[in-house]
Amino acid sequence: MMDIMAIKQLSREEKLRVMEAIWEDLSSEDQSIQSPAWHESVLQETEQRVQSGSEQTLDWKKAKQVL
């Protein structure tokens, strides 16, 4: 397992790759994990902003390029 000192030695690109790998692993876990109660209302608010045109979306590849 990596400790914090090993992580600090990674380049920014390497850290992002590690984060992506962790996220991929977490997102493939059992779907029985419940979202918090507030999550649905936040998603609905975001959807309303997108539909009204007051919020723009980016696909993940473009977002990573911007970052």
C-alpha atoms as a PDB file:
ATOM      1  CA  MET A   1       0.000   0.000   0.000  1.00  0.00           C
ATOM      2  CA  MET A   2       1.195   3.529  -0.744  1.00  0.00           C
ATOM      3  CA  ASP A   3       1.802   5.835   2.174  1.00  0.00           C
ATOM      4  CA  ILE A   4       1.474   9.615   2.053  1.00  0.00           C
ATOM      5  CA  MET A   5       5.207  10.105   1.477  1.00  0.00           C
ATOM      6  CA  ALA A   6       5.137   7.835  -1.598  1.00  0.00           C
ATOM      7  CA  ILE A   7       2.112   9.726  -2.929  1.00  0.00           C
ATOM      8  CA  LYS A   8       3.866  13.067  -2.457  1.00  0.00           C
ATOM      9  CA  GLN A   9       6.705  11.803  -4.659  1.00  0.00           C
ATOM     10  CA  LEU A  10       4.361  11.152  -7.608  1.00  0.00           C
ATOM     11  CA  SER A  11       3.986  13.644 -10.427  1.00  0.00           C
ATOM     12  CA  ARG A  12       0.620  15.332 -10.875  1.00  0.00           C
ATOM     13  CA  GLU A  13      -0.122  13.057 -13.844  1.00  0.00           C
ATOM     14  CA  GLU A  14       0.720   9.944 -11.815  1.00  0.00           C
ATOM     15  CA  LYS A  15      -1.494  11.120  -8.950  1.00  0.00           C
ATOM     16  CA  LEU A  16      -4.397  11.614 -11.361  1.00  0.00           C
ATOM     17  CA  ARG A  17      -3.875   8.110 -12.779  1.00  0.00           C
ATOM     18  CA  VAL A  18      -3.927   6.658  -9.260  1.00  0.00           C
ATOM     19  CA  MET A  19      -7.118   8.606  -8.475  1.00  0.00           C
ATOM     20  CA  GLU A  20      -8.753   7.331 -11.668  1.00  0.00           C
ATOM     21  CA  ALA A  21      -7.778   3.746 -10.817  1.00  0.00           C
ATOM     22  CA  ILE A  22      -9.199   4.102  -7.311  1.00  0.00           C
ATOM     23  CA  TRP A  23     -12.412   5.627  -8.665  1.00  0.00           C
ATOM     24  CA  GLU A  24     -12.789   2.840 -11.231  1.00  0.00           C
ATOM     25  CA  ASP A  25     -12.355   0.249  -8.487  1.00  0.00           C
ATOM     26  CA  LEU A  26     -14.813   1.972  -6.148  1.00  0.00           C
ATOM     27  CA  SER A  27     -17.414   2.469  -8.868  1.00  0.00           C
ATOM     28  CA  SER A  28     -17.339  -1.229  -9.780  1.00  0.00           C
ATOM     29  CA  GLU A  29     -18.254  -2.283  -6.240  1.00  0.00           C
ATOM     30  CA  ASP A  30     -21.631  -3.610  -5.221  1.00  0.00           C
ATOM     31  CA  GLN A  31     -24.461  -1.298  -6.245  1.00  0.00           C
ATOM     32  CA  SER A  32     -26.218  -1.813  -2.887  1.00  0.00           C
ATOM     33  CA  ILE A  33     -24.425   1.220  -1.462  1.00  0.00           C
ATOM     34  CA  GLN A  34     -27.066   3.883  -0.861  1.00  0.00           C
ATOM     35  CA  SER A  35     -26.573   7.483  -1.944  1.00  0.00           C
ATOM     36  CA  PRO A  36     -27.078  10.052   0.799  1.00  0.00           C
ATOM     37  CA  ALA A  37     -30.577  11.549   0.999  1.00  0.00           C
ATOM     38  CA  TRP A  38     -29.418  14.993  -0.175  1.00  0.00           C
ATOM     39  CA  HIS A  39     -27.916  13.565  -3.372  1.00  0.00           C
ATOM     40  CA  GLU A  40     -31.203  13.273  -5.303  1.00  0.00           C
ATOM     41  CA  SER A  41     -32.163  16.906  -4.700  1.00  0.00           C
ATOM     42  CA  VAL A  42     -28.707  18.123  -5.776  1.00  0.00           C
ATOM     43  CA  LEU A  43     -28.931  16.055  -8.963  1.00  0.00           C
ATOM     44  CA  GLN A  44     -32.391  17.476  -9.693  1.00  0.00           C
ATOM     45  CA  GLU A  45     -31.124  21.038  -9.184  1.00  0.00           C
ATOM     46  CA  THR A  46     -28.220  20.403 -11.544  1.00  0.00           C
ATOM     47  CA  GLU A  47     -30.547  18.891 -14.159  1.00  0.00           C
ATOM     48  CA  GLN A  48     -32.779  21.988 -13.959  1.00  0.00           C
ATOM     49  CA  ARG A  49     -29.774  24.275 -14.506  1.00  0.00           C
ATOM     50  CA  VAL A  50     -28.664  22.203 -17.503  1.00  0.00           C
ATOM     51  CA  GLN A  51     -32.159  22.265 -19.024  1.00  0.00           C
ATOM     52  CA  SER A  52     -32.484  26.022 -18.496  1.00  0.00           C
ATOM     53  CA  GLY A  53     -29.106  26.591 -20.168  1.00  0.00           C
ATOM     54  CA  SER A  54     -27.538  28.190 -17.107  1.00  0.00           C
ATOM     55  CA  GLU A  55     -25.071  25.307 -16.734  1.00  0.00           C
ATOM     56  CA  GLN A  56     -22.878  23.755 -19.398  1.00  0.00           C
ATOM     57  CA  THR A  57     -21.619  20.187 -19.431  1.00  0.00           C
ATOM     58  CA  LEU A  58     -18.294  18.757 -20.588  1.00  0.00           C
ATOM     59  CA  ASP A  59     -17.546  15.160 -21.462  1.00  0.00           C
ATOM     60  CA  TRP A  60     -14.933  13.575 -19.202  1.00  0.00           C
ATOM     61  CA  LYS A  61     -12.151  13.614 -21.822  1.00  0.00           C
ATOM     62  CA  LYS A  62     -12.609  17.351 -22.424  1.00  0.00           C
ATOM     63  CA  ALA A  63     -12.793  18.056 -18.691  1.00  0.00           C
ATOM     64  CA  LYS A  64      -9.476  16.242 -18.136  1.00  0.00           C
ATOM     65  CA  GLN A  65      -7.885  18.310 -20.929  1.00  0.00           C
ATOM     66  CA  VAL A  66      -9.130  21.518 -19.325  1.00  0.00           C
ATOM     67  CA  LEU A  67      -7.702  20.444 -15.979  1.00  0.00           C
END
